[in-house]
Amino acid sequence: MESAAVALVVAQQGAPFIAIRSLSDLAGGGSAESNEAGVFAALAAQNAVAVAVKFISLLS
């Protein structure tokens, strides 16, 4: 949601923009512990970094 607001402002200014987001929790199902963001935060961060690094490498 936060990136949508940034994207709108950037689009109005005519500037390029990309948002890289990573899911860090589950939407329902499973026990309360398995739905905690802390359980998946490290994996989500690693995935976001991997995507960002690959994207940057494609720009060169």
N, C-alpha and C. Protein backbone atom coordinates (compact mmCIF):
# COMPACT_ATOMS: atom_id res chain seq x y z
N MET A 1 0.80 -1.19 0.00
CA MET A 1 0.00 0.00 0.00
C MET A 1 0.85 1.26 0.00
N GLU A 2 1.92 1.26 0.80
CA GLU A 2 2.76 2.45 0.87
C GLU A 2 3.39 2.76 -0.47
N SER A 3 3.80 1.74 -1.19
CA SER A 3 4.44 1.98 -2.48
C SER A 3 3.46 2.51 -3.52
N ALA A 4 2.18 2.25 -3.35
CA ALA A 4 1.17 2.76 -4.29
C ALA A 4 1.12 4.29 -4.22
N ALA A 5 1.20 4.85 -3.04
CA ALA A 5 1.19 6.30 -2.89
C ALA A 5 2.44 6.92 -3.52
N VAL A 6 3.58 6.29 -3.29
CA VAL A 6 4.82 6.78 -3.89
C VAL A 6 4.75 6.68 -5.40
N ALA A 7 4.24 5.57 -5.91
CA ALA A 7 4.12 5.37 -7.35
C ALA A 7 3.23 6.43 -7.98
N LEU A 8 2.14 6.78 -7.32
CA LEU A 8 1.23 7.80 -7.84
C LEU A 8 1.93 9.15 -7.96
N VAL A 9 2.62 9.56 -6.92
CA VAL A 9 3.32 10.85 -6.94
C VAL A 9 4.42 10.86 -8.00
N VAL A 10 5.18 9.78 -8.07
CA VAL A 10 6.27 9.69 -9.04
C VAL A 10 5.71 9.71 -10.46
N ALA A 11 4.62 9.00 -10.69
CA ALA A 11 3.99 8.99 -12.02
C ALA A 11 3.51 10.38 -12.41
N GLN A 12 2.97 11.12 -11.46
CA GLN A 12 2.52 12.48 -11.73
C GLN A 12 3.68 13.39 -12.10
N GLN A 13 4.86 13.07 -11.58
CA GLN A 13 6.05 13.86 -11.88
C GLN A 13 6.76 13.36 -13.13
N GLY A 14 6.32 12.23 -13.67
CA GLY A 14 6.92 11.69 -14.89
C GLY A 14 8.28 11.04 -14.68
N ALA A 15 8.55 10.63 -13.47
CA ALA A 15 9.85 10.01 -13.18
C ALA A 15 9.71 8.49 -13.16
N PRO A 16 10.79 7.78 -13.46
CA PRO A 16 10.74 6.31 -13.40
C PRO A 16 10.66 5.84 -11.95
N PHE A 17 10.05 4.69 -11.77
CA PHE A 17 9.85 4.16 -10.41
C PHE A 17 9.69 2.65 -10.47
N ILE A 18 10.26 1.98 -9.51
CA ILE A 18 10.01 0.55 -9.32
C ILE A 18 9.95 0.29 -7.82
N ALA A 19 9.03 -0.55 -7.43
CA ALA A 19 8.91 -0.96 -6.03
C ALA A 19 9.23 -2.45 -5.95
N ILE A 20 10.08 -2.80 -5.03
CA ILE A 20 10.39 -4.21 -4.78
C ILE A 20 9.90 -4.51 -3.38
N ARG A 21 8.91 -5.38 -3.31
CA ARG A 21 8.31 -5.72 -2.02
C ARG A 21 8.46 -7.21 -1.78
N SER A 22 8.44 -7.56 -0.53
CA SER A 22 8.55 -8.97 -0.17
C SER A 22 7.58 -9.28 0.96
N LEU A 23 6.82 -10.32 0.81
CA LEU A 23 5.86 -10.73 1.82
C LEU A 23 6.59 -11.28 3.03
N SER A 24 6.22 -10.83 4.22
CA SER A 24 6.92 -11.29 5.42
C SER A 24 6.02 -12.01 6.42
N ASP A 25 4.77 -12.24 6.05
CA ASP A 25 3.90 -13.02 6.93
C ASP A 25 2.82 -13.70 6.11
N LEU A 26 2.07 -14.55 6.75
CA LEU A 26 1.01 -15.28 6.07
C LEU A 26 -0.33 -14.61 6.31
N ALA A 27 -1.25 -14.80 5.41
CA ALA A 27 -2.61 -14.28 5.57
C ALA A 27 -3.51 -15.42 6.03
N GLY A 28 -3.54 -15.66 7.32
CA GLY A 28 -4.42 -16.69 7.87
C GLY A 28 -3.83 -18.08 7.76
N GLY A 29 -4.52 -19.01 8.37
CA GLY A 29 -4.09 -20.40 8.34
C GLY A 29 -2.95 -20.66 9.29
N GLY A 30 -2.89 -21.83 9.82
CA GLY A 30 -1.80 -22.19 10.71
C GLY A 30 -1.94 -21.58 12.09
N SER A 31 -1.00 -21.87 12.93
CA SER A 31 -1.02 -21.36 14.30
C SER A 31 -0.61 -19.89 14.33
N ALA A 32 -0.87 -19.26 15.46
CA ALA A 32 -0.52 -17.84 15.60
C ALA A 32 0.97 -17.63 15.43
N GLU A 33 1.79 -18.56 15.94
CA GLU A 33 3.24 -18.42 15.83
C GLU A 33 3.71 -18.46 14.38
N SER A 34 3.05 -19.30 13.57
CA SER A 34 3.49 -19.45 12.18
C SER A 34 3.09 -18.26 11.32
N ASN A 35 2.21 -17.40 11.83
CA ASN A 35 1.78 -16.23 11.08
C ASN A 35 2.50 -14.96 11.50
N GLU A 36 3.45 -15.07 12.39
CA GLU A 36 4.18 -13.90 12.85
C GLU A 36 5.19 -13.44 11.81
N ALA A 37 5.28 -12.14 11.61
CA ALA A 37 6.21 -11.59 10.63
C ALA A 37 7.65 -11.97 10.95
N GLY A 38 8.00 -12.06 12.22
CA GLY A 38 9.36 -12.39 12.61
C GLY A 38 9.82 -13.75 12.11
N VAL A 39 8.87 -14.65 11.91
CA VAL A 39 9.21 -15.98 11.43
C VAL A 39 9.77 -15.92 10.01
N PHE A 40 9.24 -15.01 9.21
CA PHE A 40 9.61 -14.93 7.80
C PHE A 40 10.42 -13.69 7.43
N ALA A 41 10.71 -12.82 8.39
CA ALA A 41 11.37 -11.56 8.09
C ALA A 41 12.72 -11.75 7.41
N ALA A 42 13.54 -12.65 7.91
CA ALA A 42 14.87 -12.85 7.32
C ALA A 42 14.77 -13.37 5.90
N LEU A 43 13.88 -14.34 5.67
CA LEU A 43 13.70 -14.88 4.32
C LEU A 43 13.15 -13.82 3.38
N ALA A 44 12.20 -13.03 3.85
CA ALA A 44 11.63 -11.97 3.02
C ALA A 44 12.71 -10.95 2.65
N ALA A 45 13.56 -10.60 3.60
CA ALA A 45 14.65 -9.65 3.33
C ALA A 45 15.63 -10.22 2.32
N GLN A 46 15.99 -11.49 2.47
CA GLN A 46 16.91 -12.13 1.52
C GLN A 46 16.32 -12.16 0.12
N ASN A 47 15.03 -12.46 0.02
CA ASN A 47 14.38 -12.49 -1.29
C ASN A 47 14.34 -11.11 -1.93
N ALA A 48 14.04 -10.09 -1.14
CA ALA A 48 13.99 -8.72 -1.67
C ALA A 48 15.37 -8.28 -2.16
N VAL A 49 16.40 -8.61 -1.41
CA VAL A 49 17.77 -8.26 -1.82
C VAL A 49 18.14 -8.99 -3.11
N ALA A 50 17.80 -10.26 -3.20
CA ALA A 50 18.12 -11.04 -4.41
C ALA A 50 17.46 -10.44 -5.64
N VAL A 51 16.21 -10.03 -5.50
CA VAL A 51 15.50 -9.42 -6.63
C VAL A 51 16.12 -8.08 -6.99
N ALA A 52 16.43 -7.26 -5.98
CA ALA A 52 17.02 -5.95 -6.24
C ALA A 52 18.39 -6.08 -6.92
N VAL A 53 19.21 -7.00 -6.45
CA VAL A 53 20.54 -7.20 -7.04
C VAL A 53 20.41 -7.66 -8.49
N LYS A 54 19.50 -8.58 -8.76
CA LYS A 54 19.30 -9.06 -10.13
C LYS A 54 18.79 -7.93 -11.01
N PHE A 55 17.85 -7.15 -10.52
CA PHE A 55 17.31 -6.02 -11.29
C PHE A 55 18.42 -5.03 -11.64
N ILE A 56 19.24 -4.69 -10.67
CA ILE A 56 20.34 -3.75 -10.91
C ILE A 56 21.33 -4.31 -11.91
N SER A 57 21.60 -5.61 -11.83
CA SER A 57 22.54 -6.22 -12.78
C SER A 57 22.01 -6.16 -14.21
N LEU A 58 20.70 -6.20 -14.36
CA LEU A 58 20.10 -6.13 -15.70
C LEU A 58 20.15 -4.72 -16.28
N LEU A 59 20.34 -3.72 -15.44
CA LEU A 59 20.43 -2.34 -15.91
C LEU A 59 21.79 -2.03 -16.54
N SER A 60 22.80 -2.78 -16.18
CA SER A 60 24.16 -2.50 -16.66
C SER A 60 24.34 -3.02 -18.06
